[in-house]
């Protein structure tokens, strides 16, 4: 195990089910779902945001299957406080080797205060963290750990970056479609701007509708309404 450490506290929302009342009985299946939901949320936080070398090197696909099995062993429909403690212990055991410093606690509870560190405490300890530029999609967005030699670049020479979502257009045939957004762009220089775009891809790669606000992009730092119909 490498010696890099990270001090991270995660609030796992909806971690464990509370004791059910007489009118609100939790079935074993529901308890299993809640336990898996707690595991999945913690899995996502650690996989994508914890900066340890162990998290970076882990086979996360295999861990997803293994961890789900371990969580289901202790879920078993037990929605009591004892069951919550057992589940929390299982999650601790799963993630402690991967994410040193992570604190798991139930929804509605405050975590213990993090200890104050002195220079003596940090002697010989390497602190690492993620730095994100953009959303991690496209050539101008990057994520990197700060203890790595190739830090994030602070400027970008050209091109564009976008965030896209595709939906099935067949149910919308013959209907009017409106895409609305609120944009702002704190930019300077020719060609630096923000836009929304809407494209329809027809069968067999035929060209359909396309608009990208090319004639009225947003260059204002103030929030601006944008629409494509």
Protein backbone atom coordinates (compact mmCIF):
# COMPACT_ATOMS: atom_id res chain seq x y z
CA UNK A 1 0.00 0.00 0.00
CA UNK A 2 1.39 3.39 -0.96
CA UNK A 3 1.90 6.01 1.70
CA UNK A 4 -0.21 8.79 0.18
CA UNK A 5 -2.99 9.92 2.50
CA UNK A 6 -6.09 12.01 2.10
CA UNK A 7 -8.33 13.54 4.74
CA UNK A 8 -11.87 13.21 3.42
CA UNK A 9 -15.25 13.35 5.17
CA UNK A 10 -18.28 12.19 3.21
CA UNK A 11 -21.89 12.66 4.24
CA UNK A 12 -23.66 9.62 2.87
CA UNK A 13 -27.19 10.89 2.41
CA UNK A 14 -29.85 8.36 3.14
CA UNK A 15 -27.21 5.92 4.36
CA UNK A 16 -29.34 3.68 6.51
CA UNK A 17 -33.05 3.16 7.11
CA UNK A 18 -34.45 4.20 10.50
CA UNK A 19 -36.53 1.86 12.63
CA UNK A 20 -39.91 1.34 11.00
CA UNK A 21 -43.14 2.23 12.76
CA UNK A 22 -46.13 -0.13 12.94
CA UNK A 23 -47.68 1.61 9.94
CA UNK A 24 -44.48 1.68 7.95
CA UNK A 25 -43.05 -1.82 7.69
CA UNK A 26 -39.92 -2.20 5.59
CA UNK A 27 -39.80 -5.44 3.60
CA UNK A 28 -36.54 -7.36 3.23
CA UNK A 29 -36.48 -6.36 -0.42
CA UNK A 30 -36.84 -2.67 0.47
CA UNK A 31 -34.10 -2.91 3.07
CA UNK A 32 -31.81 -4.57 0.51
CA UNK A 33 -32.50 -1.77 -1.95
CA UNK A 34 -31.74 0.89 0.66
CA UNK A 35 -28.50 -0.84 1.61
CA UNK A 36 -27.45 -1.13 -2.03
CA UNK A 37 -28.37 2.53 -2.58
CA UNK A 38 -26.10 3.53 0.30
CA UNK A 39 -23.30 1.40 -1.13
CA UNK A 40 -23.78 2.82 -4.63
CA UNK A 41 -23.62 6.43 -3.41
CA UNK A 42 -20.45 5.81 -1.41
CA UNK A 43 -18.99 3.86 -4.35
CA UNK A 44 -19.52 6.86 -6.64
CA UNK A 45 -18.05 9.36 -4.18
CA UNK A 46 -14.91 7.33 -3.60
CA UNK A 47 -14.37 6.17 -7.17
CA UNK A 48 -14.59 9.61 -8.72
CA UNK A 49 -13.43 11.95 -5.95
CA UNK A 50 -11.06 10.21 -3.52
CA UNK A 51 -7.47 10.97 -4.56
CA UNK A 52 -5.67 7.93 -3.07
CA UNK A 53 -3.40 5.73 -5.17
CA UNK A 54 -5.46 2.72 -4.06
CA UNK A 55 -8.61 4.27 -5.54
CA UNK A 56 -6.78 5.09 -8.76
CA UNK A 57 -5.45 1.53 -9.16
CA UNK A 58 -8.55 -0.45 -8.16
CA UNK A 59 -10.55 -2.60 -10.60
CA UNK A 60 -13.82 -0.79 -9.86
CA UNK A 61 -16.01 -3.11 -11.95
CA UNK A 62 -14.99 -6.15 -9.90
CA UNK A 63 -15.23 -4.17 -6.68
CA UNK A 64 -18.81 -3.11 -7.54
CA UNK A 65 -19.92 -6.75 -7.76
CA UNK A 66 -17.95 -7.90 -4.70
CA UNK A 67 -19.09 -4.98 -2.53
CA UNK A 68 -22.75 -5.44 -3.45
CA UNK A 69 -22.54 -9.06 -2.33
CA UNK A 70 -20.98 -8.10 0.99
CA UNK A 71 -23.63 -5.46 1.62
CA UNK A 72 -26.48 -7.89 0.89
CA UNK A 73 -25.07 -10.35 3.43
CA UNK A 74 -25.76 -7.90 6.26
CA UNK A 75 -28.86 -6.17 4.83
CA UNK A 76 -31.30 -9.04 5.15
CA UNK A 77 -34.34 -6.91 5.88
CA UNK A 78 -33.00 -5.68 9.22
CA UNK A 79 -33.95 -2.02 9.50
CA UNK A 80 -33.09 -1.72 13.21
CA UNK A 81 -30.35 0.42 14.69
CA UNK A 82 -28.28 -2.73 15.13
CA UNK A 83 -28.69 -3.47 11.44
CA UNK A 84 -27.65 0.06 10.59
CA UNK A 85 -24.49 -0.29 12.68
CA UNK A 86 -23.69 -3.62 11.02
CA UNK A 87 -24.12 -2.14 7.55
CA UNK A 88 -21.96 0.83 8.44
CA UNK A 89 -19.28 -1.56 9.68
CA UNK A 90 -19.40 -3.46 6.39
CA UNK A 91 -19.04 -0.25 4.40
CA UNK A 92 -16.13 0.81 6.60
CA UNK A 93 -14.40 -2.52 6.04
CA UNK A 94 -14.91 -2.31 2.26
CA UNK A 95 -13.68 1.24 1.77
CA UNK A 96 -11.07 1.80 4.51
CA UNK A 97 -8.24 0.14 2.49
CA UNK A 98 -9.16 2.21 -0.58
CA UNK A 99 -10.10 5.58 0.89
CA UNK A 100 -8.15 6.40 4.07
CA UNK A 101 -9.80 9.17 6.04
CA UNK A 102 -13.35 8.64 4.80
CA UNK A 103 -15.95 8.95 7.56
CA UNK A 104 -19.32 7.21 7.14
CA UNK A 105 -22.32 8.28 9.20
CA UNK A 106 -26.10 8.05 9.03
CA UNK A 107 -28.33 10.67 7.49
CA UNK A 108 -29.36 13.27 10.03
CA UNK A 109 -26.30 12.68 12.20
CA UNK A 110 -23.32 15.00 12.34
CA UNK A 111 -19.85 13.46 11.94
CA UNK A 112 -17.27 13.78 14.67
CA UNK A 113 -15.17 16.90 14.32
CA UNK A 114 -11.99 16.32 12.34
CA UNK A 115 -8.88 16.54 14.51
CA UNK A 116 -6.80 19.67 14.14
CA UNK A 117 -3.47 18.94 12.48
CA UNK A 118 -0.14 20.43 13.49
CA UNK A 119 3.09 20.57 11.54
CA UNK A 120 4.33 17.62 13.58
CA UNK A 121 1.28 15.59 12.54
CA UNK A 122 1.93 16.22 8.86
CA UNK A 123 5.67 15.55 8.85
CA UNK A 124 6.43 13.05 6.11
CA UNK A 125 2.79 12.92 4.97
CA UNK A 126 1.92 13.67 1.37
CA UNK A 127 -1.44 15.38 0.97
CA UNK A 128 -3.20 14.85 -2.35
CA UNK A 129 -6.42 16.14 -3.87
CA UNK A 130 -8.30 16.16 -7.14
CA UNK A 131 -8.43 19.31 -9.23
CA UNK A 132 -11.13 19.42 -11.90
CA UNK A 133 -11.23 21.75 -14.89
CA UNK A 134 -14.67 21.56 -16.49
CA UNK A 135 -16.83 18.43 -16.38
CA UNK A 136 -14.36 15.84 -17.67
CA UNK A 137 -15.68 15.58 -21.23
CA UNK A 138 -13.93 16.73 -24.37
CA UNK A 139 -10.45 18.03 -25.15
CA UNK A 140 -10.58 21.16 -22.99
CA UNK A 141 -11.67 19.45 -19.77
CA UNK A 142 -9.29 17.57 -17.50
CA UNK A 143 -9.03 16.13 -14.02
CA UNK A 144 -5.76 15.41 -12.26
CA UNK A 145 -4.37 14.86 -8.77
CA UNK A 146 -2.36 17.79 -7.46
CA UNK A 147 0.59 15.66 -6.40
CA UNK A 148 1.24 14.65 -10.00
CA UNK A 149 3.86 16.47 -12.09
CA UNK A 150 1.56 17.33 -15.00
CA UNK A 151 -0.71 19.89 -13.33
CA UNK A 152 -3.81 21.21 -15.05
CA UNK A 153 -3.18 23.73 -17.76
CA UNK A 154 -4.69 27.13 -17.07
CA UNK A 155 -5.47 28.12 -20.64
CA UNK A 156 -6.68 26.43 -23.80
CA UNK A 157 -5.59 27.25 -27.31
CA UNK A 158 -8.72 26.54 -29.33
CA UNK A 159 -11.64 24.31 -30.18
CA UNK A 160 -14.76 23.90 -28.10
CA UNK A 161 -16.14 21.71 -25.35
CA UNK A 162 -19.71 20.64 -24.85
CA UNK A 163 -22.03 18.65 -22.64
CA UNK A 164 -24.60 16.61 -24.60
CA UNK A 165 -27.52 14.29 -23.94
CA UNK A 166 -29.28 12.13 -26.54
CA UNK A 167 -32.91 11.02 -26.42
CA UNK A 168 -35.09 8.88 -28.68
CA UNK A 169 -36.75 11.24 -31.16
CA UNK A 170 -39.36 8.78 -32.46
CA UNK A 171 -42.01 9.63 -29.81
CA UNK A 172 -41.59 13.33 -30.76
CA UNK A 173 -42.31 12.96 -34.48
CA UNK A 174 -44.81 15.54 -35.67
CA UNK A 175 -44.54 17.53 -32.44
CA UNK A 176 -43.09 20.94 -31.66
CA UNK A 177 -39.86 20.73 -29.61
CA UNK A 178 -38.38 23.54 -27.56
CA UNK A 179 -34.95 23.53 -25.92
CA UNK A 180 -34.52 26.21 -23.26
CA UNK A 181 -31.49 27.12 -21.15
CA UNK A 182 -29.99 29.99 -19.20
CA UNK A 183 -26.39 30.79 -20.16
CA UNK A 184 -23.61 33.15 -19.24
CA UNK A 185 -20.08 33.42 -20.61
CA UNK A 186 -17.30 35.32 -18.85
CA UNK A 187 -15.05 35.50 -21.92
CA UNK A 188 -12.97 37.92 -23.96
CA UNK A 189 -11.74 37.84 -27.54
CA UNK A 190 -13.24 36.95 -30.90
CA UNK A 191 -15.04 33.61 -31.07
CA UNK A 192 -15.20 32.99 -27.32
CA UNK A 193 -18.84 32.46 -26.45
CA UNK A 194 -21.48 30.14 -25.10
CA UNK A 195 -24.26 28.40 -27.04
CA UNK A 196 -26.87 25.68 -26.82
CA UNK A 197 -27.51 23.40 -29.75
CA UNK A 198 -30.19 20.99 -30.89
CA UNK A 199 -29.74 18.34 -33.57
CA UNK A 200 -32.01 15.67 -35.02
CA UNK A 201 -30.30 12.59 -36.49
CA UNK A 202 -32.50 10.78 -39.00
CA UNK A 203 -32.28 7.06 -39.89
CA UNK A 204 -29.39 5.92 -42.09
CA UNK A 205 -27.30 8.92 -41.00
CA UNK A 206 -29.48 11.33 -42.95
CA UNK A 207 -29.21 15.00 -41.98
CA UNK A 208 -32.05 16.37 -39.90
CA UNK A 209 -32.68 19.61 -38.07
CA UNK A 210 -29.70 21.47 -36.60
CA UNK A 211 -29.29 24.79 -34.80
CA UNK A 212 -26.43 25.95 -32.59
CA UNK A 213 -27.23 29.65 -32.02
CA UNK A 214 -24.54 30.54 -34.54
CA UNK A 215 -26.16 33.89 -35.29
CA UNK A 216 -26.77 34.91 -31.67
CA UNK A 217 -24.27 33.35 -29.23
CA UNK A 218 -24.05 34.45 -25.60
CA UNK A 219 -21.06 36.60 -24.63
CA UNK A 220 -22.50 38.27 -21.55
CA UNK A 221 -21.39 37.47 -17.97
CA UNK A 222 -25.04 37.98 -16.95
CA UNK A 223 -27.46 35.06 -17.07
CA UNK A 224 -29.18 35.09 -20.47
CA UNK A 225 -32.26 33.16 -21.64
CA UNK A 226 -31.63 30.99 -24.71
CA UNK A 227 -34.11 29.02 -26.77
CA UNK A 228 -34.22 26.77 -29.86
CA UNK A 229 -37.58 25.67 -31.29
